[in-house]
Amino acid sequence: MLTTMAVAADLVRDAGGDDPRHGLRAIAALGRLLEQLERLHVDRARAGGWSWQEIAGELGVTKQTVHRKHGGRFRR
């Protein structure tokens, strides 16, 4: 996780720089990183017995939104 955070710090620096090419690439990479981290923590929360409502509350979205986005990985 430390490596991920170092990469994120580099991307944030690039996103705030003056070169639009580097900035746009960094923004796209940050978006992908955020999606991966969200998936990881939703999976951890579900494995820990959290409800969709609890997860949604922490993410600041509706239960339907989080279930629509992540629920398919948990169907049996």
PDB file of N, CA and C in Angstrom:
ATOM      1  N   MET A   1       0.834  -1.196   0.000  1.00  0.00           N
ATOM      2  CA  MET A   1       0.000   0.000   0.000  1.00  0.00           C
ATOM      3  C   MET A   1       0.874   1.254   0.000  1.00  0.00           C
ATOM      4  N   LEU A   2       2.042   1.171   0.634  1.00  0.00           N
ATOM      5  CA  LEU A   2       2.941   2.320   0.673  1.00  0.00           C
ATOM      6  C   LEU A   2       3.360   2.716  -0.738  1.00  0.00           C
ATOM      7  N   THR A   3       3.649   1.727  -1.585  1.00  0.00           N
ATOM      8  CA  THR A   3       4.023   2.014  -2.971  1.00  0.00           C
ATOM      9  C   THR A   3       2.874   2.715  -3.686  1.00  0.00           C
ATOM     10  N   THR A   4       1.659   2.260  -3.457  1.00  0.00           N
ATOM     11  CA  THR A   4       0.489   2.888  -4.068  1.00  0.00           C
ATOM     12  C   THR A   4       0.390   4.346  -3.658  1.00  0.00           C
ATOM     13  N   MET A   5       0.651   4.618  -2.401  1.00  0.00           N
ATOM     14  CA  MET A   5       0.564   5.990  -1.914  1.00  0.00           C
ATOM     15  C   MET A   5       1.673   6.859  -2.522  1.00  0.00           C
ATOM     16  N   ALA A   6       2.847   6.299  -2.723  1.00  0.00           N
ATOM     17  CA  ALA A   6       3.936   7.049  -3.356  1.00  0.00           C
ATOM     18  C   ALA A   6       3.577   7.371  -4.805  1.00  0.00           C
ATOM     19  N   VAL A   7       3.002   6.404  -5.493  1.00  0.00           N
ATOM     20  CA  VAL A   7       2.569   6.626  -6.871  1.00  0.00           C
ATOM     21  C   VAL A   7       1.494   7.708  -6.904  1.00  0.00           C
ATOM     22  N   ALA A   8       0.546   7.630  -5.970  1.00  0.00           N
ATOM     23  CA  ALA A   8      -0.523   8.626  -5.907  1.00  0.00           C
ATOM     24  C   ALA A   8       0.047  10.021  -5.682  1.00  0.00           C
ATOM     25  N   ALA A   9       1.041  10.130  -4.808  1.00  0.00           N
ATOM     26  CA  ALA A   9       1.659  11.435  -4.538  1.00  0.00           C
ATOM     27  C   ALA A   9       2.308  11.989  -5.805  1.00  0.00           C
ATOM     28  N   ASP A  10       2.974  11.135  -6.558  1.00  0.00           N
ATOM     29  CA  ASP A  10       3.584  11.568  -7.820  1.00  0.00           C
ATOM     30  C   ASP A  10       2.513  12.026  -8.816  1.00  0.00           C
ATOM     31  N   LEU A  11       1.418  11.283  -8.879  1.00  0.00           N
ATOM     32  CA  LEU A  11       0.346  11.643  -9.802  1.00  0.00           C
ATOM     33  C   LEU A  11      -0.305  12.969  -9.421  1.00  0.00           C
ATOM     34  N   VAL A  12      -0.495  13.187  -8.138  1.00  0.00           N
ATOM     35  CA  VAL A  12      -1.063  14.455  -7.673  1.00  0.00           C
ATOM     36  C   VAL A  12      -0.129  15.604  -8.054  1.00  0.00           C
ATOM     37  N   ARG A  13       1.147  15.398  -7.883  1.00  0.00           N
ATOM     38  CA  ARG A  13       2.117  16.436  -8.267  1.00  0.00           C
ATOM     39  C   ARG A  13       2.015  16.723  -9.762  1.00  0.00           C
ATOM     40  N   ASP A  14       1.969  15.667 -10.569  1.00  0.00           N
ATOM     41  CA  ASP A  14       1.876  15.853 -12.022  1.00  0.00           C
ATOM     42  C   ASP A  14       0.552  16.514 -12.420  1.00  0.00           C
ATOM     43  N   ALA A  15      -0.532  16.148 -11.734  1.00  0.00           N
ATOM     44  CA  ALA A  15      -1.842  16.712 -12.054  1.00  0.00           C
ATOM     45  C   ALA A  15      -1.877  18.211 -11.790  1.00  0.00           C
ATOM     46  N   GLY A  16      -1.091  18.665 -10.838  1.00  0.00           N
ATOM     47  CA  GLY A  16      -1.065  20.088 -10.510  1.00  0.00           C
ATOM     48  C   GLY A  16      -0.005  20.871 -11.253  1.00  0.00           C
ATOM     49  N   GLY A  17       0.720  20.199 -12.144  1.00  0.00           N
ATOM     50  CA  GLY A  17       1.790  20.871 -12.874  1.00  0.00           C
ATOM     51  C   GLY A  17       1.281  21.730 -14.020  1.00  0.00           C
ATOM     52  N   ASP A  18       2.214  22.324 -14.734  1.00  0.00           N
ATOM     53  CA  ASP A  18       1.890  23.244 -15.821  1.00  0.00           C
ATOM     54  C   ASP A  18       1.668  22.565 -17.170  1.00  0.00           C
ATOM     55  N   ASP A  19       2.154  21.344 -17.335  1.00  0.00           N
ATOM     56  CA  ASP A  19       2.054  20.651 -18.620  1.00  0.00           C
ATOM     57  C   ASP A  19       0.710  19.935 -18.712  1.00  0.00           C
ATOM     58  N   PRO A  20      -0.172  20.371 -19.608  1.00  0.00           N
ATOM     59  CA  PRO A  20      -1.492  19.738 -19.682  1.00  0.00           C
ATOM     60  C   PRO A  20      -1.433  18.259 -20.055  1.00  0.00           C
ATOM     61  N   ARG A  21      -0.461  17.862 -20.858  1.00  0.00           N
ATOM     62  CA  ARG A  21      -0.349  16.447 -21.243  1.00  0.00           C
ATOM     63  C   ARG A  21      -0.094  15.594 -20.000  1.00  0.00           C
ATOM     64  N   HIS A  22       0.869  16.012 -19.174  1.00  0.00           N
ATOM     65  CA  HIS A  22       1.166  15.271 -17.945  1.00  0.00           C
ATOM     66  C   HIS A  22      -0.008  15.352 -16.967  1.00  0.00           C
ATOM     67  N   GLY A  23      -0.617  16.514 -16.891  1.00  0.00           N
ATOM     68  CA  GLY A  23      -1.749  16.694 -15.986  1.00  0.00           C
ATOM     69  C   GLY A  23      -2.923  15.799 -16.335  1.00  0.00           C
ATOM     70  N   LEU A  24      -3.274  15.747 -17.600  1.00  0.00           N
ATOM     71  CA  LEU A  24      -4.405  14.928 -18.029  1.00  0.00           C
ATOM     72  C   LEU A  24      -4.125  13.434 -17.846  1.00  0.00           C
ATOM     73  N   ARG A  25      -2.908  13.033 -18.169  1.00  0.00           N
ATOM     74  CA  ARG A  25      -2.540  11.625 -17.952  1.00  0.00           C
ATOM     75  C   ARG A  25      -2.588  11.275 -16.472  1.00  0.00           C
ATOM     76  N   ALA A  26      -2.121  12.183 -15.633  1.00  0.00           N
ATOM     77  CA  ALA A  26      -2.133  11.951 -14.193  1.00  0.00           C
ATOM     78  C   ALA A  26      -3.562  11.864 -13.667  1.00  0.00           C
ATOM     79  N   ILE A  27      -4.445  12.721 -14.158  1.00  0.00           N
ATOM     80  CA  ILE A  27      -5.842  12.690 -13.730  1.00  0.00           C
ATOM     81  C   ILE A  27      -6.489  11.362 -14.106  1.00  0.00           C
ATOM     82  N   ALA A  28      -6.230  10.889 -15.319  1.00  0.00           N
ATOM     83  CA  ALA A  28      -6.780   9.597 -15.746  1.00  0.00           C
ATOM     84  C   ALA A  28      -6.248   8.467 -14.865  1.00  0.00           C
ATOM     85  N   ALA A  29      -4.956   8.494 -14.565  1.00  0.00           N
ATOM     86  CA  ALA A  29      -4.353   7.458 -13.724  1.00  0.00           C
ATOM     87  C   ALA A  29      -4.898   7.519 -12.302  1.00  0.00           C
ATOM     88  N   LEU A  30      -5.107   8.722 -11.775  1.00  0.00           N
ATOM     89  CA  LEU A  30      -5.689   8.862 -10.438  1.00  0.00           C
ATOM     90  C   LEU A  30      -7.102   8.288 -10.402  1.00  0.00           C
ATOM     91  N   GLY A  31      -7.861   8.506 -11.446  1.00  0.00           N
ATOM     92  CA  GLY A  31      -9.211   7.945 -11.517  1.00  0.00           C
ATOM     93  C   GLY A  31      -9.188   6.422 -11.465  1.00  0.00           C
ATOM     94  N   ARG A  32      -8.263   5.819 -12.224  1.00  0.00           N
ATOM     95  CA  ARG A  32      -8.143   4.358 -12.198  1.00  0.00           C
ATOM     96  C   ARG A  32      -7.707   3.870 -10.821  1.00  0.00           C
ATOM     97  N   LEU A  33      -6.783   4.584 -10.190  1.00  0.00           N
ATOM     98  CA  LEU A  33      -6.318   4.220  -8.857  1.00  0.00           C
ATOM     99  C   LEU A  33      -7.450   4.305  -7.841  1.00  0.00           C
ATOM    100  N   LEU A  34      -8.234   5.362  -7.905  1.00  0.00           N
ATOM    101  CA  LEU A  34      -9.373   5.504  -6.990  1.00  0.00           C
ATOM    102  C   LEU A  34     -10.370   4.364  -7.163  1.00  0.00           C
ATOM    103  N   GLU A  35     -10.634   3.963  -8.391  1.00  0.00           N
ATOM    104  CA  GLU A  35     -11.551   2.847  -8.642  1.00  0.00           C
ATOM    105  C   GLU A  35     -11.014   1.558  -8.027  1.00  0.00           C
ATOM    106  N   GLN A  36      -9.713   1.311  -8.173  1.00  0.00           N
ATOM    107  CA  GLN A  36      -9.099   0.103  -7.602  1.00  0.00           C
ATOM    108  C   GLN A  36      -9.189   0.121  -6.083  1.00  0.00           C
ATOM    109  N   LEU A  37      -8.900   1.270  -5.487  1.00  0.00           N
ATOM    110  CA  LEU A  37      -8.948   1.378  -4.028  1.00  0.00           C
ATOM    111  C   LEU A  37     -10.373   1.223  -3.510  1.00  0.00           C
ATOM    112  N   GLU A  38     -11.334   1.800  -4.217  1.00  0.00           N
ATOM    113  CA  GLU A  38     -12.730   1.657  -3.805  1.00  0.00           C
ATOM    114  C   GLU A  38     -13.137   0.189  -3.848  1.00  0.00           C
ATOM    115  N   ARG A  39     -12.788  -0.505  -4.928  1.00  0.00           N
ATOM    116  CA  ARG A  39     -13.104  -1.924  -5.059  1.00  0.00           C
ATOM    117  C   ARG A  39     -12.495  -2.724  -3.905  1.00  0.00           C
ATOM    118  N   LEU A  40     -11.237  -2.443  -3.609  1.00  0.00           N
ATOM    119  CA  LEU A  40     -10.532  -3.136  -2.531  1.00  0.00           C
ATOM    120  C   LEU A  40     -11.249  -2.959  -1.194  1.00  0.00           C
ATOM    121  N   HIS A  41     -11.617  -1.736  -0.873  1.00  0.00           N
ATOM    122  CA  HIS A  41     -12.216  -1.476   0.430  1.00  0.00           C
ATOM    123  C   HIS A  41     -13.686  -1.906   0.507  1.00  0.00           C
ATOM    124  N   VAL A  42     -14.394  -1.858  -0.603  1.00  0.00           N
ATOM    125  CA  VAL A  42     -15.753  -2.409  -0.614  1.00  0.00           C
ATOM    126  C   VAL A  42     -15.672  -3.916  -0.379  1.00  0.00           C
ATOM    127  N   ASP A  43     -14.738  -4.584  -1.045  1.00  0.00           N
ATOM    128  CA  ASP A  43     -14.567  -6.024  -0.834  1.00  0.00           C
ATOM    129  C   ASP A  43     -14.228  -6.331   0.625  1.00  0.00           C
ATOM    130  N   ARG A  44     -13.357  -5.549   1.210  1.00  0.00           N
ATOM    131  CA  ARG A  44     -12.988  -5.747   2.619  1.00  0.00           C
ATOM    132  C   ARG A  44     -14.181  -5.514   3.539  1.00  0.00           C
ATOM    133  N   ALA A  45     -14.954  -4.487   3.240  1.00  0.00           N
ATOM    134  CA  ALA A  45     -16.120  -4.185   4.065  1.00  0.00           C
ATOM    135  C   ALA A  45     -17.142  -5.319   3.979  1.00  0.00           C
ATOM    136  N   ARG A  46     -17.431  -5.795   2.772  1.00  0.00           N
ATOM    137  CA  ARG A  46     -18.390  -6.886   2.614  1.00  0.00           C
ATOM    138  C   ARG A  46     -17.893  -8.146   3.313  1.00  0.00           C
ATOM    139  N   ALA A  47     -16.595  -8.448   3.185  1.00  0.00           N
ATOM    140  CA  ALA A  47     -16.025  -9.617   3.857  1.00  0.00           C
ATOM    141  C   ALA A  47     -16.129  -9.466   5.371  1.00  0.00           C
ATOM    142  N   GLY A  48     -16.127  -8.233   5.843  1.00  0.00           N
ATOM    143  CA  GLY A  48     -16.254  -7.955   7.265  1.00  0.00           C
ATOM    144  C   GLY A  48     -17.688  -7.866   7.757  1.00  0.00           C
ATOM    145  N   GLY A  49     -18.645  -8.148   6.866  1.00  0.00           N
ATOM    146  CA  GLY A  49     -20.039  -8.179   7.268  1.00  0.00           C
ATOM    147  C   GLY A  49     -20.791  -6.870   7.143  1.00  0.00           C
ATOM    148  N   TRP A  50     -20.196  -5.867   6.506  1.00  0.00           N
ATOM    149  CA  TRP A  50     -20.876  -4.583   6.344  1.00  0.00           C
ATOM    150  C   TRP A  50     -22.055  -4.732   5.386  1.00  0.00           C
ATOM    151  N   SER A  51     -23.092  -3.969   5.648  1.00  0.00           N
ATOM    152  CA  SER A  51     -24.241  -3.915   4.742  1.00  0.00           C
ATOM    153  C   SER A  51     -23.933  -2.935   3.605  1.00  0.00           C
ATOM    154  N   TRP A  52     -24.729  -3.056   2.546  1.00  0.00           N
ATOM    155  CA  TRP A  52     -24.586  -2.096   1.447  1.00  0.00           C
ATOM    156  C   TRP A  52     -24.891  -0.681   1.936  1.00  0.00           C
ATOM    157  N   GLN A  53     -25.823  -0.556   2.870  1.00  0.00           N
ATOM    158  CA  GLN A  53     -26.175   0.759   3.408  1.00  0.00           C
ATOM    159  C   GLN A  53     -24.996   1.385   4.153  1.00  0.00           C
ATOM    160  N   GLU A  54     -24.279   0.584   4.930  1.00  0.00           N
ATOM    161  CA  GLU A  54     -23.113   1.093   5.667  1.00  0.00           C
ATOM    162  C   GLU A  54     -22.025   1.564   4.704  1.00  0.00           C
ATOM    163  N   ILE A  55     -21.769   0.761   3.694  1.00  0.00           N
ATOM    164  CA  ILE A  55     -20.746   1.122   2.704  1.00  0.00           C
ATOM    165  C   ILE A  55     -21.153   2.395   1.972  1.00  0.00           C
ATOM    166  N   ALA A  56     -22.402   2.445   1.549  1.00  0.00           N
ATOM    167  CA  ALA A  56     -22.904   3.627   0.836  1.00  0.00           C
ATOM    168  C   ALA A  56     -22.753   4.877   1.685  1.00  0.00           C
ATOM    169  N   GLY A  57     -23.062   4.767   2.969  1.00  0.00           N
ATOM    170  CA  GLY A  57     -22.942   5.918   3.864  1.00  0.00           C
ATOM    171  C   GLY A  57     -21.525   6.449   3.928  1.00  0.00           C
ATOM    172  N   GLU A  58     -20.564   5.555   3.991  1.00  0.00           N
ATOM    173  CA  GLU A  58     -19.156   5.981   4.044  1.00  0.00           C
ATOM    174  C   GLU A  58     -18.693   6.595   2.732  1.00  0.00           C
ATOM    175  N   LEU A  59     -19.234   6.109   1.626  1.00  0.00           N
ATOM    176  CA  LEU A  59     -18.854   6.651   0.312  1.00  0.00           C
ATOM    177  C   LEU A  59     -19.652   7.896  -0.059  1.00  0.00           C
ATOM    178  N   GLY A  60     -20.707   8.177   0.695  1.00  0.00           N
ATOM    179  CA  GLY A  60     -21.518   9.354   0.398  1.00  0.00           C
ATOM    180  C   GLY A  60     -22.399   9.187  -0.824  1.00  0.00           C
ATOM    181  N   VAL A  61     -22.848   7.952  -1.060  1.00  0.00           N
ATOM    182  CA  VAL A  61     -23.732   7.661  -2.184  1.00  0.00           C
ATOM    183  C   VAL A  61     -24.923   6.869  -1.650  1.00  0.00           C
ATOM    184  N   THR A  62     -25.876   6.581  -2.530  1.00  0.00           N
ATOM    185  CA  THR A  62     -27.021   5.779  -2.107  1.00  0.00           C
ATOM    186  C   THR A  62     -26.657   4.300  -2.098  1.00  0.00           C
ATOM    187  N   LYS A  63     -27.452   3.544  -1.356  1.00  0.00           N
ATOM    188  CA  LYS A  63     -27.275   2.096  -1.308  1.00  0.00           C
ATOM    189  C   LYS A  63     -27.412   1.504  -2.711  1.00  0.00           C
ATOM    190  N   GLN A  64     -28.369   2.004  -3.477  1.00  0.00           N
ATOM    191  CA  GLN A  64     -28.591   1.503  -4.827  1.00  0.00           C
ATOM    192  C   GLN A  64     -27.363   1.742  -5.717  1.00  0.00           C
ATOM    193  N   THR A  65     -26.752   2.908  -5.564  1.00  0.00           N
ATOM    194  CA  THR A  65     -25.577   3.234  -6.376  1.00  0.00           C
ATOM    195  C   THR A  65     -24.430   2.280  -6.093  1.00  0.00           C
ATOM    196  N   VAL A  66     -24.133   2.073  -4.818  1.00  0.00           N
ATOM    197  CA  VAL A  66     -23.000   1.211  -4.470  1.00  0.00           C
ATOM    198  C   VAL A  66     -23.301  -0.248  -4.819  1.00  0.00           C
ATOM    199  N   HIS A  67     -24.539  -0.673  -4.652  1.00  0.00           N
ATOM    200  CA  HIS A  67     -24.884  -2.053  -4.984  1.00  0.00           C
ATOM    201  C   HIS A  67     -24.823  -2.276  -6.488  1.00  0.00           C
ATOM    202  N   ARG A  68     -25.310  -1.306  -7.256  1.00  0.00           N
ATOM    203  CA  ARG A  68     -25.260  -1.411  -8.718  1.00  0.00           C
ATOM    204  C   ARG A  68     -23.813  -1.499  -9.204  1.00  0.00           C
ATOM    205  N   LYS A  69     -22.943  -0.729  -8.577  1.00  0.00           N
ATOM    206  CA  LYS A  69     -21.543  -0.683  -9.015  1.00  0.00           C
ATOM    207  C   LYS A  69     -20.755  -1.913  -8.579  1.00  0.00           C
ATOM    208  N   HIS A  70     -21.011  -2.413  -7.376  1.00  0.00           N
ATOM    209  CA  HIS A  70     -20.154  -3.455  -6.808  1.00  0.00           C
ATOM    210  C   HIS A  70     -20.863  -4.780  -6.559  1.00  0.00           C
ATOM    211  N   GLY A  71     -22.180  -4.789  -6.577  1.00  0.00           N
ATOM    212  CA  GLY A  71     -22.929  -5.981  -6.184  1.00  0.00           C
ATOM    213  C   GLY A  71     -22.675  -7.208  -7.039  1.00  0.00           C
ATOM    214  N   GLY A  72     -22.370  -7.031  -8.297  1.00  0.00           N
ATOM    215  CA  GLY A  72     -22.157  -8.163  -9.185  1.00  0.00           C
ATOM    216  C   GLY A  72     -21.024  -9.078  -8.766  1.00  0.00           C
ATOM    217  N   ARG A  73     -20.064  -8.552  -8.063  1.00  0.00           N
ATOM    218  CA  ARG A  73     -18.925  -9.383  -7.623  1.00  0.00           C
ATOM    219  C   ARG A  73     -19.299 -10.277  -6.452  1.00  0.00           C
ATOM    220  N   PHE A  74     -20.462 -10.034  -5.843  1.00  0.00           N
ATOM    221  CA  PHE A  74     -20.840 -10.771  -4.642  1.00  0.00           C
ATOM    222  C   PHE A  74     -22.027 -11.692  -4.851  1.00  0.00           C
ATOM    223  N   ARG A  75     -22.548 -11.734  -6.050  1.00  0.00           N
ATOM    224  CA  ARG A  75     -23.688 -12.617  -6.326  1.00  0.00           C
ATOM    225  C   ARG A  75     -23.227 -14.053  -6.371  1.00  0.00           C
ATOM    226  N   ARG A  76     -24.070 -14.927  -5.896  1.00  0.00           N
ATOM    227  CA  ARG A  76     -23.711 -16.354  -5.897  1.00  0.00           C
ATOM    228  C   ARG A  76     -24.594 -17.103  -6.847  1.00  0.00           C
TER     229      ARG A  76
END
